Amino acid sequence: MALMITDECINCDVCEPVCPNNAIYQGEFIFEIDPARCTECVGHFAEPQCVAICPVNCIPLNPNYVETQEELLEKYQKLTEESVTNK
């Protein structure tokens, strides 16, 4: 499942640069995660990098985007193919 950033976000900007899928962006008030690009770092790392680095633990699983590990891996493969095609 994709991750989400809650209102506890302090806009410290440490999560955005560690996201390998460019899924994190500055929203109107806090950073946000694009669920179409979030793979929980499956295919890149053993654990979500944004969760590991967040100083306030405000990045839980997003219950609106339930995905299996296999689905996350498929999304990773699709995103990887797109980035190669767009270069």
PDB file of N, CA and C in Angstrom:
ATOM      1  N   MET A   1       0.837  -1.175   0.000  1.00  0.00           N
ATOM      2  CA  MET A   1       0.000   0.000   0.000  1.00  0.00           C
ATOM      3  C   MET A   1       0.874   1.228   0.000  1.00  0.00           C
ATOM      4  N   ALA A   2       0.374   2.270  -0.512  1.00  0.00           N
ATOM      5  CA  ALA A   2       1.132   3.520  -0.538  1.00  0.00           C
ATOM      6  C   ALA A   2       1.204   4.104   0.867  1.00  0.00           C
ATOM      7  N   LEU A   3       2.121   5.014   1.039  1.00  0.00           N
ATOM      8  CA  LEU A   3       2.262   5.716   2.301  1.00  0.00           C
ATOM      9  C   LEU A   3       1.577   7.069   2.188  1.00  0.00           C
ATOM     10  N   MET A   4       1.386   7.721   3.333  1.00  0.00           N
ATOM     11  CA  MET A   4       0.802   9.062   3.351  1.00  0.00           C
ATOM     12  C   MET A   4       1.484   9.871   4.441  1.00  0.00           C
ATOM     13  N   ILE A   5       1.446  11.172   4.303  1.00  0.00           N
ATOM     14  CA  ILE A   5       2.026  12.062   5.304  1.00  0.00           C
ATOM     15  C   ILE A   5       0.868  12.728   6.033  1.00  0.00           C
ATOM     16  N   THR A   6       0.908  12.658   7.363  1.00  0.00           N
ATOM     17  CA  THR A   6      -0.186  13.194   8.175  1.00  0.00           C
ATOM     18  C   THR A   6       0.067  14.656   8.555  1.00  0.00           C
ATOM     19  N   ASP A   7      -0.921  15.262   9.201  1.00  0.00           N
ATOM     20  CA  ASP A   7      -0.837  16.665   9.602  1.00  0.00           C
ATOM     21  C   ASP A   7       0.256  16.950  10.625  1.00  0.00           C
ATOM     22  N   GLU A   8       0.847  15.905  11.197  1.00  0.00           N
ATOM     23  CA  GLU A   8       1.941  16.107  12.140  1.00  0.00           C
ATOM     24  C   GLU A   8       3.232  16.529  11.430  1.00  0.00           C
ATOM     25  N   CYS A   9       3.245  16.509  10.105  1.00  0.00           N
ATOM     26  CA  CYS A   9       4.415  16.891   9.317  1.00  0.00           C
ATOM     27  C   CYS A   9       4.875  18.299   9.719  1.00  0.00           C
ATOM     28  N   ILE A  10       6.190  18.439   9.907  1.00  0.00           N
ATOM     29  CA  ILE A  10       6.757  19.740  10.282  1.00  0.00           C
ATOM     30  C   ILE A  10       7.484  20.409   9.110  1.00  0.00           C
ATOM     31  N   ASN A  11       7.276  19.885   7.895  1.00  0.00           N
ATOM     32  CA  ASN A  11       7.890  20.458   6.694  1.00  0.00           C
ATOM     33  C   ASN A  11       9.407  20.585   6.806  1.00  0.00           C
ATOM     34  N   CYS A  12      10.037  19.557   7.343  1.00  0.00           N
ATOM     35  CA  CYS A  12      11.493  19.609   7.519  1.00  0.00           C
ATOM     36  C   CYS A  12      12.241  19.299   6.224  1.00  0.00           C
ATOM     37  N   ASP A  13      11.550  18.754   5.208  1.00  0.00           N
ATOM     38  CA  ASP A  13      12.129  18.513   3.895  1.00  0.00           C
ATOM     39  C   ASP A  13      13.182  17.401   3.866  1.00  0.00           C
ATOM     40  N   VAL A  14      13.175  16.480   4.820  1.00  0.00           N
ATOM     41  CA  VAL A  14      14.142  15.387   4.748  1.00  0.00           C
ATOM     42  C   VAL A  14      13.603  14.201   3.958  1.00  0.00           C
ATOM     43  N   CYS A  15      12.296  14.100   3.821  1.00  0.00           N
ATOM     44  CA  CYS A  15      11.706  12.952   3.130  1.00  0.00           C
ATOM     45  C   CYS A  15      11.770  13.074   1.608  1.00  0.00           C
ATOM     46  N   GLU A  16      11.545  14.240   1.090  1.00  0.00           N
ATOM     47  CA  GLU A  16      11.469  14.422  -0.365  1.00  0.00           C
ATOM     48  C   GLU A  16      12.717  13.946  -1.100  1.00  0.00           C
ATOM     49  N   PRO A  17      13.912  14.343  -0.678  1.00  0.00           N
ATOM     50  CA  PRO A  17      15.094  13.933  -1.438  1.00  0.00           C
ATOM     51  C   PRO A  17      15.433  12.443  -1.350  1.00  0.00           C
ATOM     52  N   VAL A  18      14.922  11.724  -0.338  1.00  0.00           N
ATOM     53  CA  VAL A  18      15.269  10.300  -0.217  1.00  0.00           C
ATOM     54  C   VAL A  18      14.302   9.383  -0.958  1.00  0.00           C
ATOM     55  N   CYS A  19      13.244   9.929  -1.515  1.00  0.00           N
ATOM     56  CA  CYS A  19      12.254   9.110  -2.231  1.00  0.00           C
ATOM     57  C   CYS A  19      12.788   8.738  -3.618  1.00  0.00           C
ATOM     58  N   PRO A  20      13.024   7.450  -3.862  1.00  0.00           N
ATOM     59  CA  PRO A  20      13.584   7.042  -5.152  1.00  0.00           C
ATOM     60  C   PRO A  20      12.611   7.148  -6.324  1.00  0.00           C
ATOM     61  N   ASN A  21      11.317   7.302  -6.030  1.00  0.00           N
ATOM     62  CA  ASN A  21      10.308   7.376  -7.089  1.00  0.00           C
ATOM     63  C   ASN A  21       9.767   8.785  -7.314  1.00  0.00           C
ATOM     64  N   ASN A  22      10.342   9.759  -6.645  1.00  0.00           N
ATOM     65  CA  ASN A  22       9.851  11.141  -6.735  1.00  0.00           C
ATOM     66  C   ASN A  22       8.363  11.229  -6.436  1.00  0.00           C
ATOM     67  N   ALA A  23       7.934  10.462  -5.438  1.00  0.00           N
ATOM     68  CA  ALA A  23       6.517  10.447  -5.069  1.00  0.00           C
ATOM     69  C   ALA A  23       6.166  11.530  -4.061  1.00  0.00           C
ATOM     70  N   ILE A  24       7.165  12.102  -3.411  1.00  0.00           N
ATOM     71  CA  ILE A  24       6.925  13.105  -2.365  1.00  0.00           C
ATOM     72  C   ILE A  24       7.101  14.495  -2.948  1.00  0.00           C
ATOM     73  N   TYR A  25       6.151  15.356  -2.626  1.00  0.00           N
ATOM     74  CA  TYR A  25       6.205  16.726  -3.128  1.00  0.00           C
ATOM     75  C   TYR A  25       5.614  17.676  -2.094  1.00  0.00           C
ATOM     76  N   GLN A  26       5.927  18.952  -2.205  1.00  0.00           N
ATOM     77  CA  GLN A  26       5.395  19.960  -1.298  1.00  0.00           C
ATOM     78  C   GLN A  26       3.956  20.249  -1.672  1.00  0.00           C
ATOM     79  N   GLY A  27       3.048  19.979  -0.750  1.00  0.00           N
ATOM     80  CA  GLY A  27       1.639  20.276  -0.953  1.00  0.00           C
ATOM     81  C   GLY A  27       1.343  21.701  -0.519  1.00  0.00           C
ATOM     82  N   GLU A  28       0.081  22.013  -0.385  1.00  0.00           N
ATOM     83  CA  GLU A  28      -0.304  23.371   0.001  1.00  0.00           C
ATOM     84  C   GLU A  28       0.175  23.715   1.409  1.00  0.00           C
ATOM     85  N   PHE A  29       0.064  22.751   2.339  1.00  0.00           N
ATOM     86  CA  PHE A  29       0.451  23.019   3.721  1.00  0.00           C
ATOM     87  C   PHE A  29       1.588  22.133   4.222  1.00  0.00           C
ATOM     88  N   ILE A  30       1.616  20.886   3.777  1.00  0.00           N
ATOM     89  CA  ILE A  30       2.635  19.931   4.201  1.00  0.00           C
ATOM     90  C   ILE A  30       3.087  19.118   2.988  1.00  0.00           C
ATOM     91  N   PHE A  31       4.115  18.336   3.175  1.00  0.00           N
ATOM     92  CA  PHE A  31       4.536  17.445   2.103  1.00  0.00           C
ATOM     93  C   PHE A  31       3.470  16.385   1.892  1.00  0.00           C
ATOM     94  N   GLU A  32       3.359  15.898   0.681  1.00  0.00           N
ATOM     95  CA  GLU A  32       2.369  14.889   0.335  1.00  0.00           C
ATOM     96  C   GLU A  32       3.036  13.793  -0.476  1.00  0.00           C
ATOM     97  N   ILE A  33       2.350  12.642  -0.547  1.00  0.00           N
ATOM     98  CA  ILE A  33       2.872  11.502  -1.301  1.00  0.00           C
ATOM     99  C   ILE A  33       1.878  11.139  -2.394  1.00  0.00           C
ATOM    100  N   ASP A  34       2.361  11.044  -3.625  1.00  0.00           N
ATOM    101  CA  ASP A  34       1.541  10.623  -4.759  1.00  0.00           C
ATOM    102  C   ASP A  34       1.428   9.095  -4.696  1.00  0.00           C
ATOM    103  N   PRO A  35       0.234   8.569  -4.399  1.00  0.00           N
ATOM    104  CA  PRO A  35       0.093   7.117  -4.267  1.00  0.00           C
ATOM    105  C   PRO A  35       0.366   6.354  -5.564  1.00  0.00           C
ATOM    106  N   ALA A  36       0.252   7.016  -6.694  1.00  0.00           N
ATOM    107  CA  ALA A  36       0.537   6.364  -7.976  1.00  0.00           C
ATOM    108  C   ALA A  36       2.038   6.135  -8.162  1.00  0.00           C
ATOM    109  N   ARG A  37       2.871   6.866  -7.414  1.00  0.00           N
ATOM    110  CA  ARG A  37       4.322   6.735  -7.533  1.00  0.00           C
ATOM    111  C   ARG A  37       4.962   6.058  -6.321  1.00  0.00           C
ATOM    112  N   CYS A  38       4.214   5.920  -5.233  1.00  0.00           N
ATOM    113  CA  CYS A  38       4.776   5.344  -4.008  1.00  0.00           C
ATOM    114  C   CYS A  38       4.748   3.820  -4.076  1.00  0.00           C
ATOM    115  N   THR A  39       5.925   3.219  -3.898  1.00  0.00           N
ATOM    116  CA  THR A  39       6.038   1.760  -3.857  1.00  0.00           C
ATOM    117  C   THR A  39       6.534   1.290  -2.489  1.00  0.00           C
ATOM    118  N   GLU A  40       6.519   2.181  -1.497  1.00  0.00           N
ATOM    119  CA  GLU A  40       7.099   1.896  -0.183  1.00  0.00           C
ATOM    120  C   GLU A  40       8.568   1.505  -0.331  1.00  0.00           C
ATOM    121  N   CYS A  41       9.193   1.981  -1.366  1.00  0.00           N
ATOM    122  CA  CYS A  41      10.596   1.721  -1.717  1.00  0.00           C
ATOM    123  C   CYS A  41      10.849   0.277  -2.155  1.00  0.00           C
ATOM    124  N   VAL A  42       9.786  -0.493  -2.395  1.00  0.00           N
ATOM    125  CA  VAL A  42       9.939  -1.848  -2.933  1.00  0.00           C
ATOM    126  C   VAL A  42      10.673  -1.733  -4.265  1.00  0.00           C
ATOM    127  N   GLY A  43      11.673  -2.569  -4.453  1.00  0.00           N
ATOM    128  CA  GLY A  43      12.491  -2.534  -5.651  1.00  0.00           C
ATOM    129  C   GLY A  43      13.746  -1.694  -5.487  1.00  0.00           C
ATOM    130  N   HIS A  44      13.748  -0.816  -4.484  1.00  0.00           N
ATOM    131  CA  HIS A  44      14.896   0.050  -4.236  1.00  0.00           C
ATOM    132  C   HIS A  44      15.584  -0.283  -2.913  1.00  0.00           C
ATOM    133  N   PHE A  45      14.794  -0.351  -1.852  1.00  0.00           N
ATOM    134  CA  PHE A  45      15.324  -0.526  -0.500  1.00  0.00           C
ATOM    135  C   PHE A  45      14.465  -1.519   0.279  1.00  0.00           C
ATOM    136  N   ALA A  46      15.013  -2.019   1.371  1.00  0.00           N
ATOM    137  CA  ALA A  46      14.302  -2.983   2.212  1.00  0.00           C
ATOM    138  C   ALA A  46      13.208  -2.324   3.052  1.00  0.00           C
ATOM    139  N   GLU A  47      13.337  -1.021   3.282  1.00  0.00           N
ATOM    140  CA  GLU A  47      12.327  -0.295   4.050  1.00  0.00           C
ATOM    141  C   GLU A  47      12.095   1.077   3.421  1.00  0.00           C
ATOM    142  N   PRO A  48      10.903   1.636   3.634  1.00  0.00           N
ATOM    143  CA  PRO A  48      10.625   2.970   3.088  1.00  0.00           C
ATOM    144  C   PRO A  48      11.593   4.003   3.663  1.00  0.00           C
ATOM    145  N   GLN A  49      12.290   4.677   2.798  1.00  0.00           N
ATOM    146  CA  GLN A  49      13.309   5.636   3.226  1.00  0.00           C
ATOM    147  C   GLN A  49      12.714   6.859   3.914  1.00  0.00           C
ATOM    148  N   CYS A  50      11.548   7.299   3.486  1.00  0.00           N
ATOM    149  CA  CYS A  50      10.929   8.464   4.120  1.00  0.00           C
ATOM    150  C   CYS A  50      10.546   8.152   5.566  1.00  0.00           C
ATOM    151  N   VAL A  51      10.041   6.943   5.806  1.00  0.00           N
ATOM    152  CA  VAL A  51       9.661   6.536   7.158  1.00  0.00           C
ATOM    153  C   VAL A  51      10.906   6.458   8.032  1.00  0.00           C
ATOM    154  N   ALA A  52      11.971   5.898   7.486  1.00  0.00           N
ATOM    155  CA  ALA A  52      13.206   5.729   8.250  1.00  0.00           C
ATOM    156  C   ALA A  52      13.827   7.060   8.665  1.00  0.00           C
ATOM    157  N   ILE A  53      13.663   8.092   7.839  1.00  0.00           N
ATOM    158  CA  ILE A  53      14.329   9.374   8.104  1.00  0.00           C
ATOM    159  C   ILE A  53      13.427  10.401   8.800  1.00  0.00           C
ATOM    160  N   CYS A  54      12.128  10.190   8.799  1.00  0.00           N
ATOM    161  CA  CYS A  54      11.178  11.171   9.356  1.00  0.00           C
ATOM    162  C   CYS A  54      11.391  11.357  10.862  1.00  0.00           C
ATOM    163  N   PRO A  55      11.651  12.593  11.290  1.00  0.00           N
ATOM    164  CA  PRO A  55      11.912  12.829  12.721  1.00  0.00           C
ATOM    165  C   PRO A  55      10.661  12.837  13.598  1.00  0.00           C
ATOM    166  N   VAL A  56       9.477  12.910  12.996  1.00  0.00           N
ATOM    167  CA  VAL A  56       8.254  12.967  13.803  1.00  0.00           C
ATOM    168  C   VAL A  56       7.315  11.783  13.567  1.00  0.00           C
ATOM    169  N   ASN A  57       7.760  10.783  12.833  1.00  0.00           N
ATOM    170  CA  ASN A  57       6.946   9.583  12.586  1.00  0.00           C
ATOM    171  C   ASN A  57       5.535   9.905  12.098  1.00  0.00           C
ATOM    172  N   CYS A  58       5.464  10.673  11.028  1.00  0.00           N
ATOM    173  CA  CYS A  58       4.158  11.083  10.505  1.00  0.00           C
ATOM    174  C   CYS A  58       3.863  10.466   9.139  1.00  0.00           C
ATOM    175  N   ILE A  59       4.468   9.298   8.846  1.00  0.00           N
ATOM    176  CA  ILE A  59       4.275   8.681   7.532  1.00  0.00           C
ATOM    177  C   ILE A  59       3.782   7.241   7.699  1.00  0.00           C
ATOM    178  N   PRO A  60       2.480   7.064   7.918  1.00  0.00           N
ATOM    179  CA  PRO A  60       1.918   5.716   8.036  1.00  0.00           C
ATOM    180  C   PRO A  60       1.474   5.186   6.669  1.00  0.00           C
ATOM    181  N   LEU A  61       1.015   3.943   6.678  1.00  0.00           N
ATOM    182  CA  LEU A  61       0.413   3.362   5.476  1.00  0.00           C
ATOM    183  C   LEU A  61      -0.885   4.092   5.178  1.00  0.00           C
ATOM    184  N   ASN A  62      -1.178   4.246   3.908  1.00  0.00           N
ATOM    185  CA  ASN A  62      -2.410   4.917   3.475  1.00  0.00           C
ATOM    186  C   ASN A  62      -3.493   3.849   3.287  1.00  0.00           C
ATOM    187  N   PRO A  63      -4.499   3.812   4.147  1.00  0.00           N
ATOM    188  CA  PRO A  63      -5.530   2.774   4.053  1.00  0.00           C
ATOM    189  C   PRO A  63      -6.380   2.860   2.787  1.00  0.00           C
ATOM    190  N   ASN A  64      -6.311   3.961   2.078  1.00  0.00           N
ATOM    191  CA  ASN A  64      -7.081   4.120   0.841  1.00  0.00           C
ATOM    192  C   ASN A  64      -6.405   3.475  -0.360  1.00  0.00           C
ATOM    193  N   TYR A  65      -5.152   3.020  -0.192  1.00  0.00           N
ATOM    194  CA  TYR A  65      -4.402   2.434  -1.304  1.00  0.00           C
ATOM    195  C   TYR A  65      -3.745   1.126  -0.857  1.00  0.00           C
ATOM    196  N   VAL A  66      -4.561   0.103  -0.709  1.00  0.00           N
ATOM    197  CA  VAL A  66      -4.080  -1.207  -0.271  1.00  0.00           C
ATOM    198  C   VAL A  66      -3.473  -1.935  -1.464  1.00  0.00           C
ATOM    199  N   GLU A  67      -2.197  -2.336  -1.322  1.00  0.00           N
ATOM    200  CA  GLU A  67      -1.492  -3.044  -2.390  1.00  0.00           C
ATOM    201  C   GLU A  67      -0.647  -4.156  -1.767  1.00  0.00           C
ATOM    202  N   THR A  68      -0.533  -5.260  -2.470  1.00  0.00           N
ATOM    203  CA  THR A  68       0.319  -6.353  -2.025  1.00  0.00           C
ATOM    204  C   THR A  68       1.767  -6.044  -2.405  1.00  0.00           C
ATOM    205  N   GLN A  69       2.698  -6.821  -1.866  1.00  0.00           N
ATOM    206  CA  GLN A  69       4.103  -6.663  -2.234  1.00  0.00           C
ATOM    207  C   GLN A  69       4.287  -6.880  -3.734  1.00  0.00           C
ATOM    208  N   GLU A  70       3.553  -7.829  -4.289  1.00  0.00           N
ATOM    209  CA  GLU A  70       3.635  -8.099  -5.730  1.00  0.00           C
ATOM    210  C   GLU A  70       3.153  -6.897  -6.537  1.00  0.00           C
ATOM    211  N   GLU A  71       2.061  -6.278  -6.105  1.00  0.00           N
ATOM    212  CA  GLU A  71       1.547  -5.094  -6.808  1.00  0.00           C
ATOM    213  C   GLU A  71       2.526  -3.930  -6.704  1.00  0.00           C
ATOM    214  N   LEU A  72       3.149  -3.779  -5.529  1.00  0.00           N
ATOM    215  CA  LEU A  72       4.140  -2.718  -5.371  1.00  0.00           C
ATOM    216  C   LEU A  72       5.344  -2.955  -6.280  1.00  0.00           C
ATOM    217  N   LEU A  73       5.753  -4.216  -6.408  1.00  0.00           N
ATOM    218  CA  LEU A  73       6.870  -4.543  -7.289  1.00  0.00           C
ATOM    219  C   LEU A  73       6.513  -4.286  -8.747  1.00  0.00           C
ATOM    220  N   GLU A  74       5.282  -4.602  -9.141  1.00  0.00           N
ATOM    221  CA  GLU A  74       4.828  -4.306 -10.503  1.00  0.00           C
ATOM    222  C   GLU A  74       4.830  -2.806 -10.761  1.00  0.00           C
ATOM    223  N   LYS A  75       4.384  -2.027  -9.780  1.00  0.00           N
ATOM    224  CA  LYS A  75       4.385  -0.569  -9.929  1.00  0.00           C
ATOM    225  C   LYS A  75       5.816  -0.055 -10.064  1.00  0.00           C
ATOM    226  N   TYR A  76       6.726  -0.596  -9.245  1.00  0.00           N
ATOM    227  CA  TYR A  76       8.140  -0.226  -9.332  1.00  0.00           C
ATOM    228  C   TYR A  76       8.680  -0.503 -10.734  1.00  0.00           C
ATOM    229  N   GLN A  77       8.385  -1.690 -11.259  1.00  0.00           N
ATOM    230  CA  GLN A  77       8.878  -2.049 -12.597  1.00  0.00           C
ATOM    231  C   GLN A  77       8.323  -1.111 -13.660  1.00  0.00           C
ATOM    232  N   LYS A  78       7.057  -0.767 -13.547  1.00  0.00           N
ATOM    233  CA  LYS A  78       6.437   0.156 -14.508  1.00  0.00           C
ATOM    234  C   LYS A  78       7.090   1.542 -14.410  1.00  0.00           C
ATOM    235  N   LEU A  79       7.282   2.040 -13.193  1.00  0.00           N
ATOM    236  CA  LEU A  79       7.912   3.343 -13.020  1.00  0.00           C
ATOM    237  C   LEU A  79       9.347   3.344 -13.534  1.00  0.00           C
ATOM    238  N   THR A  80      10.058   2.253 -13.330  1.00  0.00           N
ATOM    239  CA  THR A  80      11.434   2.138 -13.808  1.00  0.00           C
ATOM    240  C   THR A  80      11.475   2.146 -15.328  1.00  0.00           C
ATOM    241  N   GLU A  81      10.564   1.425 -15.940  1.00  0.00           N
ATOM    242  CA  GLU A  81      10.494   1.421 -17.415  1.00  0.00           C
ATOM    243  C   GLU A  81      10.176   2.799 -17.955  1.00  0.00           C
ATOM    244  N   GLU A  82       9.254   3.506 -17.303  1.00  0.00           N
ATOM    245  CA  GLU A  82       8.889   4.859 -17.732  1.00  0.00           C
ATOM    246  C   GLU A  82      10.084   5.800 -17.641  1.00  0.00           C
ATOM    247  N   SER A  83      10.860   5.689 -16.577  1.00  0.00           N
ATOM    248  CA  SER A  83      11.997   6.607 -16.417  1.00  0.00           C
ATOM    249  C   SER A  83      13.077   6.320 -17.467  1.00  0.00           C
ATOM    250  N   VAL A  84      13.247   5.063 -17.863  1.00  0.00           N
ATOM    251  CA  VAL A  84      14.205   4.726 -18.904  1.00  0.00           C
ATOM    252  C   VAL A  84      13.710   5.227 -20.260  1.00  0.00           C
ATOM    253  N   THR A  85      12.417   5.087 -20.507  1.00  0.00           N
ATOM    254  CA  THR A  85      11.815   5.524 -21.773  1.00  0.00           C
ATOM    255  C   THR A  85      11.881   7.041 -21.922  1.00  0.00           C
ATOM    256  N   ASN A  86      11.720   7.765 -20.810  1.00  0.00           N
ATOM    257  CA  ASN A  86      11.697   9.229 -20.850  1.00  0.00           C
ATOM    258  C   ASN A  86      13.073   9.857 -20.898  1.00  0.00           C
ATOM    259  N   LYS A  87      14.126   9.086 -20.868  1.00  0.00           N
ATOM    260  CA  LYS A  87      15.477   9.668 -20.915  1.00  0.00           C
ATOM    261  C   LYS A  87      15.954   9.867 -22.311  1.00  0.00           C
TER     262      LYS A  87
END
